[in-house]
Amino acid sequence: MFQILKKRRLNASMTLMVVQAPYIAKKAKAGQFIILRVHDKGERIPLTIAAYDREEGTITIIFQLVGKTTMMLDQLNEGDAILDFTGPLGRPSELEGYRRVAVIGGGAGCAIAYPQAYALYEMGTKVDIIAGFRNKDLIILEEEMRAASEHLYLMTDDGSNGHKGFVTNALQENLNQGIIYDLVVAIGPLPMMRAVCEITKKVGIKTIISMNSIMIDGTGMCGCCRLTVGGKIKFACVDGPDFDGHEVDFDEAIKRSVTYKKQEREEADQYKCRLIEGA
């Protein structure tokens, strides 16, 4: 059992939890993930390690309430325990040797982009963070991202925070101003990552993306997170989750990602009804 030491609501649909997991904290690195199971009848889901503290022996996870299991997880509070919490899994991000990097996060993807930016910043790399949200009420980790970057560009689709536009607008504007990046890290919805890669490919900037969103089992055995990278079959959970964004077949990945949307939505709706009935 893994005790929840801290729980904080980041916005209406996203929650942060700090979990006691000393053996995982001892080995965790940026880009890796854990697999958890809320109880013995629950499904296993992967969540990226948002932060770790080796001295305190803790792992921080951030999750969006989009499905049945994340809703179940959100019902737990400080002092409660998660049944299974396994990791660190996946290959750590390879971030050494870069001078200036743009780390781009879209929505919930900012929870995954932040540890990448923090790791780079701790190495002495100049980091610009570009974060995009639908509106100002959904902005998360602003203070943390600002502390882990030279510049933080916060964009909202509706302009409610005073900066209207997409992350691609901010990236293109920086490039137009002559800012030179030798790496771009983009994490968020698949269409967003594809749009970023279209920009960076034209100017020859290496771009790393995270394919964590299509993972399920986390061990490579289910095969559901397979994707085509550079014409070869890869598995996001064991070969990634980081990949060269210019080599990923986004059309295939996007099609795969929506295969079970209907069933997932039905499960989530049924669970919401049960919560309401039990209230």
Foldseek 3Di string as FASTA:
>chain_A
DKFWAAWDDFFPFKIKTKIQAQVQLQDDAAFFWKWFAQDPPGFIFIFGFLDGDNVRRITMTMDTLDFDRVVVVVVDHGGDGTDDIDDRFFDHDDQPDWAEEEEEEEQVQVSRSLRVLQVCLVVVHAYEYEYEYQAPRRDGPPVSSVVSHPYYHYEHCVCNVVHHDDSLVVVVVCVVVPDDGQEYEYEYDLVNLLSNLVVCVVVVHWYKYFQSLQDGPLPCPVVLQWFWFQNDIDHCNYNHRIDGSNGTPSVVSVVSNCPCVVVRVVNRVVSVVVVVVVD
